[in-house]
Every structure is written in C-alpha cells, then in structure tokens.
C-alpha cells in the first residue's frame, strides 16, 4: 500500500487485477502482466514435468508417490529406501 493510503493496482496475466489491500492474499510477482516472461516460465516449469509428484499416500511404514510417469513405494523406516515402482507410459 502506498504511503498516502491508496491501494496500488496491477494487471494480472489472464485478466483481472490485484490491488494492495490487507484483506487480499499475496500474488507472486510472476503473475503480473509486466513481469518478464522468463520469470513466469522459471516459476511454472515444474507444472510441465511428468516426474513431478502429484499425490502421495502413507500406508503403515510405506510412502507411495504418484506422478504422471510412475507409482513408487519407499520404506519410511529404512531411510526411504525404494521398495519398488511401476512405470506408466
């Protein structure tokens, strides 16, 4: 917020705008239309990776993770040693 008490508004990628206001949530800098496109891609790159874990599940002492490419199980008590995995294509 500016020192004169008026909010500062900026345009967001995809439309809309964000104004500095205590009741609104934080918007990362790369979401503004005036941010460099490289900054946006650097912060969103993980969305395009098929290895990114999208879900995980704990069953007893086993951690099961799911990505677009693989389901993998790891033993929590054995320093997360890999138990096995299934590749999906």
PDB file of N, CA and C in Angstrom:
ATOM      1  N   UNK A   1       0.832  -1.173   0.000  1.00  0.00           N
ATOM      2  CA  UNK A   1       0.000   0.000   0.000  1.00  0.00           C
ATOM      3  C   UNK A   1       0.881   1.243   0.000  1.00  0.00           C
ATOM      4  N   UNK A   2       0.475   2.244  -0.732  1.00  0.00           N
ATOM      5  CA  UNK A   2       1.243   3.477  -0.803  1.00  0.00           C
ATOM      6  C   UNK A   2       1.131   4.220   0.529  1.00  0.00           C
ATOM      7  N   UNK A   3       2.061   5.144   0.750  1.00  0.00           N
ATOM      8  CA  UNK A   3       2.065   5.892   1.999  1.00  0.00           C
ATOM      9  C   UNK A   3       0.860   6.816   2.129  1.00  0.00           C
ATOM     10  N   UNK A   4       0.220   7.205   1.014  1.00  0.00           N
ATOM     11  CA  UNK A   4      -0.948   8.072   1.094  1.00  0.00           C
ATOM     12  C   UNK A   4      -2.228   7.285   1.380  1.00  0.00           C
ATOM     13  N   UNK A   5      -2.120   5.963   1.549  1.00  0.00           N
ATOM     14  CA  UNK A   5      -3.265   5.138   1.902  1.00  0.00           C
ATOM     15  C   UNK A   5      -4.046   4.588   0.729  1.00  0.00           C
ATOM     16  N   UNK A   6      -3.714   4.993  -0.491  1.00  0.00           N
ATOM     17  CA  UNK A   6      -4.422   4.494  -1.661  1.00  0.00           C
ATOM     18  C   UNK A   6      -3.779   3.189  -2.128  1.00  0.00           C
ATOM     19  N   UNK A   7      -4.598   2.191  -2.476  1.00  0.00           N
ATOM     20  CA  UNK A   7      -4.015   0.934  -2.960  1.00  0.00           C
ATOM     21  C   UNK A   7      -3.392   1.096  -4.335  1.00  0.00           C
ATOM     22  N   UNK A   8      -2.379   0.283  -4.608  1.00  0.00           N
ATOM     23  CA  UNK A   8      -1.725   0.242  -5.910  1.00  0.00           C
ATOM     24  C   UNK A   8      -2.253  -0.992  -6.628  1.00  0.00           C
ATOM     25  N   UNK A   9      -2.765  -0.815  -7.853  1.00  0.00           N
ATOM     26  CA  UNK A   9      -3.338  -1.928  -8.606  1.00  0.00           C
ATOM     27  C   UNK A   9      -2.450  -2.264  -9.806  1.00  0.00           C
ATOM     28  N   UNK A  10      -2.329  -3.578 -10.093  1.00  0.00           N
ATOM     29  CA  UNK A  10      -1.545  -4.054 -11.232  1.00  0.00           C
ATOM     30  C   UNK A  10      -2.355  -5.116 -11.962  1.00  0.00           C
ATOM     31  N   UNK A  11      -2.162  -5.194 -13.284  1.00  0.00           N
ATOM     32  CA  UNK A  11      -2.858  -6.178 -14.108  1.00  0.00           C
ATOM     33  C   UNK A  11      -2.226  -7.561 -13.932  1.00  0.00           C
ATOM     34  N   UNK A  12      -3.077  -8.590 -13.905  1.00  0.00           N
ATOM     35  CA  UNK A  12      -2.629  -9.960 -13.778  1.00  0.00           C
ATOM     36  C   UNK A  12      -2.665 -10.659 -15.127  1.00  0.00           C
ATOM     37  N   UNK A  13      -1.789 -11.659 -15.296  1.00  0.00           N
ATOM     38  CA  UNK A  13      -1.811 -12.481 -16.500  1.00  0.00           C
ATOM     39  C   UNK A  13      -3.157 -13.191 -16.547  1.00  0.00           C
ATOM     40  N   UNK A  14      -3.794 -13.202 -17.689  1.00  0.00           N
ATOM     41  CA  UNK A  14      -5.078 -13.877 -17.825  1.00  0.00           C
ATOM     42  C   UNK A  14      -6.261 -13.002 -17.465  1.00  0.00           C
ATOM     43  N   UNK A  15      -6.015 -11.731 -17.206  1.00  0.00           N
ATOM     44  CA  UNK A  15      -7.102 -10.809 -16.879  1.00  0.00           C
ATOM     45  C   UNK A  15      -7.207 -10.552 -15.392  1.00  0.00           C
ATOM     46  N   UNK A  16      -7.973  -9.556 -15.049  1.00  0.00           N
ATOM     47  CA  UNK A  16      -8.137  -9.177 -13.659  1.00  0.00           C
ATOM     48  C   UNK A  16      -7.013  -8.289 -13.187  1.00  0.00           C
ATOM     49  N   UNK A  17      -7.144  -7.841 -11.971  1.00  0.00           N
ATOM     50  CA  UNK A  17      -6.086  -7.029 -11.382  1.00  0.00           C
ATOM     51  C   UNK A  17      -5.987  -7.307  -9.901  1.00  0.00           C
ATOM     52  N   UNK A  18      -4.833  -6.994  -9.357  1.00  0.00           N
ATOM     53  CA  UNK A  18      -4.580  -7.171  -7.932  1.00  0.00           C
ATOM     54  C   UNK A  18      -4.244  -5.808  -7.359  1.00  0.00           C
ATOM     55  N   UNK A  19      -4.929  -5.443  -6.294  1.00  0.00           N
ATOM     56  CA  UNK A  19      -4.669  -4.184  -5.611  1.00  0.00           C
ATOM     57  C   UNK A  19      -4.145  -4.481  -4.217  1.00  0.00           C
ATOM     58  N   UNK A  20      -3.131  -3.757  -3.797  1.00  0.00           N
ATOM     59  CA  UNK A  20      -2.594  -3.953  -2.461  1.00  0.00           C
ATOM     60  C   UNK A  20      -3.678  -3.607  -1.461  1.00  0.00           C
ATOM     61  N   UNK A  21      -4.097  -4.612  -0.743  1.00  0.00           N
ATOM     62  CA  UNK A  21      -5.198  -4.472   0.198  1.00  0.00           C
ATOM     63  C   UNK A  21      -4.988  -5.527   1.281  1.00  0.00           C
ATOM     64  N   UNK A  22      -5.089  -5.164   2.550  1.00  0.00           N
ATOM     65  CA  UNK A  22      -4.806  -6.125   3.620  1.00  0.00           C
ATOM     66  C   UNK A  22      -5.686  -7.378   3.601  1.00  0.00           C
ATOM     67  N   UNK A  23      -6.882  -7.307   3.014  1.00  0.00           N
ATOM     68  CA  UNK A  23      -7.741  -8.486   3.032  1.00  0.00           C
ATOM     69  C   UNK A  23      -7.518  -9.411   1.839  1.00  0.00           C
ATOM     70  N   UNK A  24      -6.757  -9.000   0.843  1.00  0.00           N
ATOM     71  CA  UNK A  24      -6.477  -9.868  -0.295  1.00  0.00           C
ATOM     72  C   UNK A  24      -5.224 -10.684  -0.021  1.00  0.00           C
ATOM     73  N   UNK A  25      -5.137 -11.838  -0.675  1.00  0.00           N
ATOM     74  CA  UNK A  25      -3.982 -12.704  -0.483  1.00  0.00           C
ATOM     75  C   UNK A  25      -2.816 -12.254  -1.354  1.00  0.00           C
ATOM     76  N   UNK A  26      -1.644 -12.759  -1.035  1.00  0.00           N
ATOM     77  CA  UNK A  26      -0.412 -12.442  -1.764  1.00  0.00           C
ATOM     78  C   UNK A  26      -0.459 -13.030  -3.172  1.00  0.00           C
ATOM     79  N   UNK A  27      -0.006 -12.285  -4.153  1.00  0.00           N
ATOM     80  CA  UNK A  27       0.104 -12.743  -5.535  1.00  0.00           C
ATOM     81  C   UNK A  27       1.592 -12.730  -5.901  1.00  0.00           C
ATOM     82  N   UNK A  28       2.148 -13.871  -6.352  1.00  0.00           N
ATOM     83  CA  UNK A  28       3.565 -13.901  -6.723  1.00  0.00           C
ATOM     84  C   UNK A  28       3.867 -12.920  -7.854  1.00  0.00           C
ATOM     85  N   UNK A  29       5.062 -12.326  -7.862  1.00  0.00           N
ATOM     86  CA  UNK A  29       5.421 -11.321  -8.869  1.00  0.00           C
ATOM     87  C   UNK A  29       5.293 -11.804 -10.312  1.00  0.00           C
ATOM     88  N   UNK A  30       5.504 -13.106 -10.570  1.00  0.00           N
ATOM     89  CA  UNK A  30       5.442 -13.591 -11.945  1.00  0.00           C
ATOM     90  C   UNK A  30       4.013 -13.649 -12.500  1.00  0.00           C
ATOM     91  N   UNK A  31       3.002 -13.366 -11.694  1.00  0.00           N
ATOM     92  CA  UNK A  31       1.609 -13.387 -12.153  1.00  0.00           C
ATOM     93  C   UNK A  31       1.164 -12.062 -12.765  1.00  0.00           C
ATOM     94  N   UNK A  32       1.997 -11.045 -12.680  1.00  0.00           N
ATOM     95  CA  UNK A  32       1.639  -9.740 -13.232  1.00  0.00           C
ATOM     96  C   UNK A  32       1.999  -9.656 -14.711  1.00  0.00           C
ATOM     97  N   UNK A  33       1.223  -8.890 -15.468  1.00  0.00           N
ATOM     98  CA  UNK A  33       1.481  -8.753 -16.901  1.00  0.00           C
ATOM     99  C   UNK A  33       2.803  -8.053 -17.196  1.00  0.00           C
ATOM    100  N   UNK A  34       3.301  -7.245 -16.261  1.00  0.00           N
ATOM    101  CA  UNK A  34       4.562  -6.538 -16.524  1.00  0.00           C
ATOM    102  C   UNK A  34       5.793  -7.325 -16.085  1.00  0.00           C
ATOM    103  N   UNK A  35       5.628  -8.563 -15.613  1.00  0.00           N
ATOM    104  CA  UNK A  35       6.796  -9.364 -15.229  1.00  0.00           C
ATOM    105  C   UNK A  35       7.412  -9.990 -16.473  1.00  0.00           C
ATOM    106  N   UNK A  36       8.721 -10.238 -16.457  1.00  0.00           N
ATOM    107  CA  UNK A  36       9.364 -10.860 -17.615  1.00  0.00           C
ATOM    108  C   UNK A  36       8.829 -12.280 -17.827  1.00  0.00           C
ATOM    109  N   UNK A  37       8.628 -12.657 -19.068  1.00  0.00           N
ATOM    110  CA  UNK A  37       8.083 -13.983 -19.383  1.00  0.00           C
ATOM    111  C   UNK A  37       8.998 -15.092 -18.866  1.00  0.00           C
ATOM    112  N   UNK A  38      10.296 -14.854 -18.842  1.00  0.00           N
ATOM    113  CA  UNK A  38      11.235 -15.847 -18.325  1.00  0.00           C
ATOM    114  C   UNK A  38      11.010 -16.140 -16.861  1.00  0.00           C
ATOM    115  N   UNK A  39      10.649 -15.131 -16.093  1.00  0.00           N
ATOM    116  CA  UNK A  39      10.383 -15.324 -14.668  1.00  0.00           C
ATOM    117  C   UNK A  39       9.153 -16.209 -14.485  1.00  0.00           C
ATOM    118  N   UNK A  40       8.139 -15.994 -15.309  1.00  0.00           N
ATOM    119  CA  UNK A  40       6.936 -16.819 -15.231  1.00  0.00           C
ATOM    120  C   UNK A  40       7.264 -18.275 -15.538  1.00  0.00           C
ATOM    121  N   UNK A  41       7.976 -18.522 -16.654  1.00  0.00           N
ATOM    122  CA  UNK A  41       8.297 -19.896 -17.024  1.00  0.00           C
ATOM    123  C   UNK A  41       9.208 -20.564 -15.999  1.00  0.00           C
ATOM    124  N   UNK A  42      10.141 -19.828 -15.437  1.00  0.00           N
ATOM    125  CA  UNK A  42      11.035 -20.400 -14.422  1.00  0.00           C
ATOM    126  C   UNK A  42      10.256 -20.853 -13.201  1.00  0.00           C
ATOM    127  N   UNK A  43       9.230 -20.136 -12.838  1.00  0.00           N
ATOM    128  CA  UNK A  43       8.433 -20.498 -11.668  1.00  0.00           C
ATOM    129  C   UNK A  43       7.364 -21.537 -11.968  1.00  0.00           C
ATOM    130  N   UNK A  44       7.018 -21.750 -13.217  1.00  0.00           N
ATOM    131  CA  UNK A  44       5.983 -22.700 -13.585  1.00  0.00           C
ATOM    132  C   UNK A  44       6.519 -23.962 -14.255  1.00  0.00           C
ATOM    133  N   UNK A  45       7.822 -24.078 -14.415  1.00  0.00           N
ATOM    134  CA  UNK A  45       8.417 -25.194 -15.128  1.00  0.00           C
ATOM    135  C   UNK A  45       8.013 -26.543 -14.550  1.00  0.00           C
ATOM    136  N   UNK A  46       7.910 -26.643 -13.228  1.00  0.00           N
ATOM    137  CA  UNK A  46       7.563 -27.914 -12.603  1.00  0.00           C
ATOM    138  C   UNK A  46       6.192 -28.411 -13.049  1.00  0.00           C
ATOM    139  N   UNK A  47       5.302 -27.539 -13.505  1.00  0.00           N
ATOM    140  CA  UNK A  47       3.987 -27.966 -13.980  1.00  0.00           C
ATOM    141  C   UNK A  47       4.082 -28.812 -15.236  1.00  0.00           C
ATOM    142  N   UNK A  48       5.189 -28.696 -15.969  1.00  0.00           N
ATOM    143  CA  UNK A  48       5.324 -29.385 -17.235  1.00  0.00           C
ATOM    144  C   UNK A  48       6.167 -30.647 -17.138  1.00  0.00           C
ATOM    145  N   UNK A  49       6.588 -31.007 -15.951  1.00  0.00           N
ATOM    146  CA  UNK A  49       7.399 -32.199 -15.766  1.00  0.00           C
ATOM    147  C   UNK A  49       6.500 -33.393 -15.452  1.00  0.00           C
ATOM    148  N   UNK A  50       6.687 -34.484 -16.165  1.00  0.00           N
ATOM    149  CA  UNK A  50       5.918 -35.694 -15.898  1.00  0.00           C
ATOM    150  C   UNK A  50       6.417 -36.435 -14.672  1.00  0.00           C
ATOM    151  N   UNK A  51       7.573 -36.037 -14.130  1.00  0.00           N
ATOM    152  CA  UNK A  51       8.113 -36.677 -12.943  1.00  0.00           C
ATOM    153  C   UNK A  51       7.666 -36.000 -11.651  1.00  0.00           C
ATOM    154  N   UNK A  52       6.980 -34.891 -11.759  1.00  0.00           N
ATOM    155  CA  UNK A  52       6.524 -34.166 -10.573  1.00  0.00           C
ATOM    156  C   UNK A  52       5.498 -35.004  -9.819  1.00  0.00           C
ATOM    157  N   UNK A  53       5.671 -35.161  -8.519  1.00  0.00           N
ATOM    158  CA  UNK A  53       4.754 -35.954  -7.701  1.00  0.00           C
ATOM    159  C   UNK A  53       3.455 -35.187  -7.517  1.00  0.00           C
ATOM    160  N   UNK A  54       2.355 -35.808  -7.927  1.00  0.00           N
ATOM    161  CA  UNK A  54       1.057 -35.150  -7.830  1.00  0.00           C
ATOM    162  C   UNK A  54       0.243 -35.656  -6.647  1.00  0.00           C
ATOM    163  N   UNK A  55       0.539 -36.847  -6.145  1.00  0.00           N
ATOM    164  CA  UNK A  55      -0.153 -37.405  -4.989  1.00  0.00           C
ATOM    165  C   UNK A  55       0.811 -38.265  -4.191  1.00  0.00           C
ATOM    166  N   UNK A  56       0.561 -38.342  -2.878  1.00  0.00           N
ATOM    167  CA  UNK A  56       1.312 -39.286  -2.057  1.00  0.00           C
ATOM    168  C   UNK A  56       0.385 -39.875  -1.014  1.00  0.00           C
ATOM    169  N   UNK A  57       0.761 -41.036  -0.519  1.00  0.00           N
ATOM    170  CA  UNK A  57      -0.064 -41.773   0.427  1.00  0.00           C
ATOM    171  C   UNK A  57       0.854 -42.515   1.384  1.00  0.00           C
ATOM    172  N   UNK A  58       0.527 -42.487   2.665  1.00  0.00           N
ATOM    173  CA  UNK A  58       1.269 -43.236   3.665  1.00  0.00           C
ATOM    174  C   UNK A  58       0.434 -44.435   4.092  1.00  0.00           C
ATOM    175  N   UNK A  59       0.989 -45.625   3.968  1.00  0.00           N
ATOM    176  CA  UNK A  59       0.355 -46.857   4.444  1.00  0.00           C
ATOM    177  C   UNK A  59       1.333 -47.525   5.396  1.00  0.00           C
ATOM    178  N   UNK A  60       0.998 -47.526   6.674  1.00  0.00           N
ATOM    179  CA  UNK A  60       1.901 -48.025   7.711  1.00  0.00           C
ATOM    180  C   UNK A  60       3.260 -47.341   7.583  1.00  0.00           C
ATOM    181  N   UNK A  61       4.291 -48.110   7.228  1.00  0.00           N
ATOM    182  CA  UNK A  61       5.634 -47.543   7.098  1.00  0.00           C
ATOM    183  C   UNK A  61       6.057 -47.391   5.642  1.00  0.00           C
ATOM    184  N   UNK A  62       5.089 -47.255   4.764  1.00  0.00           N
ATOM    185  CA  UNK A  62       5.372 -47.151   3.338  1.00  0.00           C
ATOM    186  C   UNK A  62       4.846 -45.829   2.792  1.00  0.00           C
ATOM    187  N   UNK A  63       5.698 -45.133   2.062  1.00  0.00           N
ATOM    188  CA  UNK A  63       5.302 -43.917   1.357  1.00  0.00           C
ATOM    189  C   UNK A  63       5.095 -44.284  -0.104  1.00  0.00           C
ATOM    190  N   UNK A  64       3.903 -44.002  -0.621  1.00  0.00           N
ATOM    191  CA  UNK A  64       3.596 -44.263  -2.020  1.00  0.00           C
ATOM    192  C   UNK A  64       3.426 -42.922  -2.708  1.00  0.00           C
ATOM    193  N   UNK A  65       4.179 -42.705  -3.796  1.00  0.00           N
ATOM    194  CA  UNK A  65       4.088 -41.452  -4.549  1.00  0.00           C
ATOM    195  C   UNK A  65       3.611 -41.748  -5.972  1.00  0.00           C
ATOM    196  N   UNK A  66       2.852 -40.788  -6.516  1.00  0.00           N
ATOM    197  CA  UNK A  66       2.295 -40.943  -7.857  1.00  0.00           C
ATOM    198  C   UNK A  66       2.658 -39.717  -8.681  1.00  0.00           C
ATOM    199  N   UNK A  67       3.224 -39.966  -9.865  1.00  0.00           N
ATOM    200  CA  UNK A  67       3.473 -38.905 -10.842  1.00  0.00           C
ATOM    201  C   UNK A  67       2.808 -39.336 -12.142  1.00  0.00           C
ATOM    202  N   UNK A  68       2.928 -38.541 -13.194  1.00  0.00           N
ATOM    203  CA  UNK A  68       2.353 -38.937 -14.480  1.00  0.00           C
ATOM    204  C   UNK A  68       3.097 -40.109 -15.104  1.00  0.00           C
ATOM    205  N   UNK A  69       4.342 -40.336 -14.671  1.00  0.00           N
ATOM    206  CA  UNK A  69       5.168 -41.405 -15.243  1.00  0.00           C
ATOM    207  C   UNK A  69       5.264 -42.661 -14.405  1.00  0.00           C
ATOM    208  N   UNK A  70       5.044 -42.539 -13.089  1.00  0.00           N
ATOM    209  CA  UNK A  70       5.419 -43.647 -12.229  1.00  0.00           C
ATOM    210  C   UNK A  70       4.639 -43.646 -10.920  1.00  0.00           C
ATOM    211  N   UNK A  71       4.426 -44.845 -10.377  1.00  0.00           N
ATOM    212  CA  UNK A  71       3.967 -45.029  -8.997  1.00  0.00           C
ATOM    213  C   UNK A  71       5.125 -45.713  -8.284  1.00  0.00           C
ATOM    214  N   UNK A  72       5.527 -45.168  -7.140  1.00  0.00           N
ATOM    215  CA  UNK A  72       6.692 -45.718  -6.434  1.00  0.00           C
ATOM    216  C   UNK A  72       6.388 -45.870  -4.956  1.00  0.00           C
ATOM    217  N   UNK A  73       6.945 -46.925  -4.359  1.00  0.00           N
ATOM    218  CA  UNK A  73       6.812 -47.174  -2.926  1.00  0.00           C
ATOM    219  C   UNK A  73       8.186 -47.113  -2.275  1.00  0.00           C
ATOM    220  N   UNK A  74       8.256 -46.443  -1.111  1.00  0.00           N
ATOM    221  CA  UNK A  74       9.503 -46.325  -0.361  1.00  0.00           C
ATOM    222  C   UNK A  74       9.251 -46.695   1.091  1.00  0.00           C
ATOM    223  N   UNK A  75      10.230 -47.345   1.712  1.00  0.00           N
ATOM    224  CA  UNK A  75      10.139 -47.758   3.112  1.00  0.00           C
ATOM    225  C   UNK A  75      10.587 -46.615   4.016  1.00  0.00           C
ATOM    226  N   UNK A  76       9.687 -46.100   4.817  1.00  0.00           N
ATOM    227  CA  UNK A  76       9.983 -44.961   5.682  1.00  0.00           C
ATOM    228  C   UNK A  76      11.012 -45.327   6.746  1.00  0.00           C
ATOM    229  N   UNK A  77      10.903 -46.536   7.324  1.00  0.00           N
ATOM    230  CA  UNK A  77      11.817 -46.943   8.396  1.00  0.00           C
ATOM    231  C   UNK A  77      13.225 -47.248   7.905  1.00  0.00           C
ATOM    232  N   UNK A  78      13.395 -47.486   6.627  1.00  0.00           N
ATOM    233  CA  UNK A  78      14.704 -47.800   6.063  1.00  0.00           C
ATOM    234  C   UNK A  78      15.253 -46.612   5.275  1.00  0.00           C
ATOM    235  N   UNK A  79      15.123 -45.412   5.849  1.00  0.00           N
ATOM    236  CA  UNK A  79      15.650 -44.184   5.236  1.00  0.00           C
ATOM    237  C   UNK A  79      15.081 -43.964   3.826  1.00  0.00           C
ATOM    238  N   UNK A  80      13.798 -44.263   3.679  1.00  0.00           N
ATOM    239  CA  UNK A  80      13.063 -44.082   2.419  1.00  0.00           C
ATOM    240  C   UNK A  80      13.648 -44.888   1.258  1.00  0.00           C
ATOM    241  N   UNK A  81      14.186 -46.050   1.580  1.00  0.00           N
ATOM    242  CA  UNK A  81      14.719 -46.949   0.544  1.00  0.00           C
ATOM    243  C   UNK A  81      13.597 -47.374  -0.385  1.00  0.00           C
ATOM    244  N   UNK A  82      13.901 -47.403  -1.673  1.00  0.00           N
ATOM    245  CA  UNK A  82      12.903 -47.771  -2.671  1.00  0.00           C
ATOM    246  C   UNK A  82      12.525 -49.253  -2.534  1.00  0.00           C
ATOM    247  N   UNK A  83      11.218 -49.486  -2.437  1.00  0.00           N
ATOM    248  CA  UNK A  83      10.707 -50.864  -2.382  1.00  0.00           C
ATOM    249  C   UNK A  83      10.441 -51.368  -3.795  1.00  0.00           C
ATOM    250  N   UNK A  84       9.830 -50.531  -4.592  1.00  0.00           N
ATOM    251  CA  UNK A  84       9.528 -50.894  -5.973  1.00  0.00           C
ATOM    252  C   UNK A  84       8.808 -49.768  -6.666  1.00  0.00           C
ATOM    253  N   UNK A  85       8.637 -49.915  -7.986  1.00  0.00           N
ATOM    254  CA  UNK A  85       7.938 -48.883  -8.754  1.00  0.00           C
ATOM    255  C   UNK A  85       7.302 -49.509  -9.986  1.00  0.00           C
ATOM    256  N   UNK A  86       6.320 -48.792 -10.520  1.00  0.00           N
ATOM    257  CA  UNK A  86       5.642 -49.202 -11.747  1.00  0.00           C
ATOM    258  C   UNK A  86       5.706 -48.014 -12.688  1.00  0.00           C
ATOM    259  N   UNK A  87       6.290 -48.226 -13.865  1.00  0.00           N
ATOM    260  CA  UNK A  87       6.375 -47.180 -14.882  1.00  0.00           C
ATOM    261  C   UNK A  87       5.070 -47.156 -15.669  1.00  0.00           C
ATOM    262  N   UNK A  88       4.575 -45.965 -15.958  1.00  0.00           N
ATOM    263  CA  UNK A  88       3.370 -45.818 -16.761  1.00  0.00           C
ATOM    264  C   UNK A  88       3.732 -45.100 -18.051  1.00  0.00           C
ATOM    265  N   UNK A  89       3.258 -45.588 -19.151  1.00  0.00           N
ATOM    266  CA  UNK A  89       3.574 -44.952 -20.436  1.00  0.00           C
ATOM    267  C   UNK A  89       2.329 -44.701 -21.210  1.00  0.00           C
TER     268      UNK A  89
END
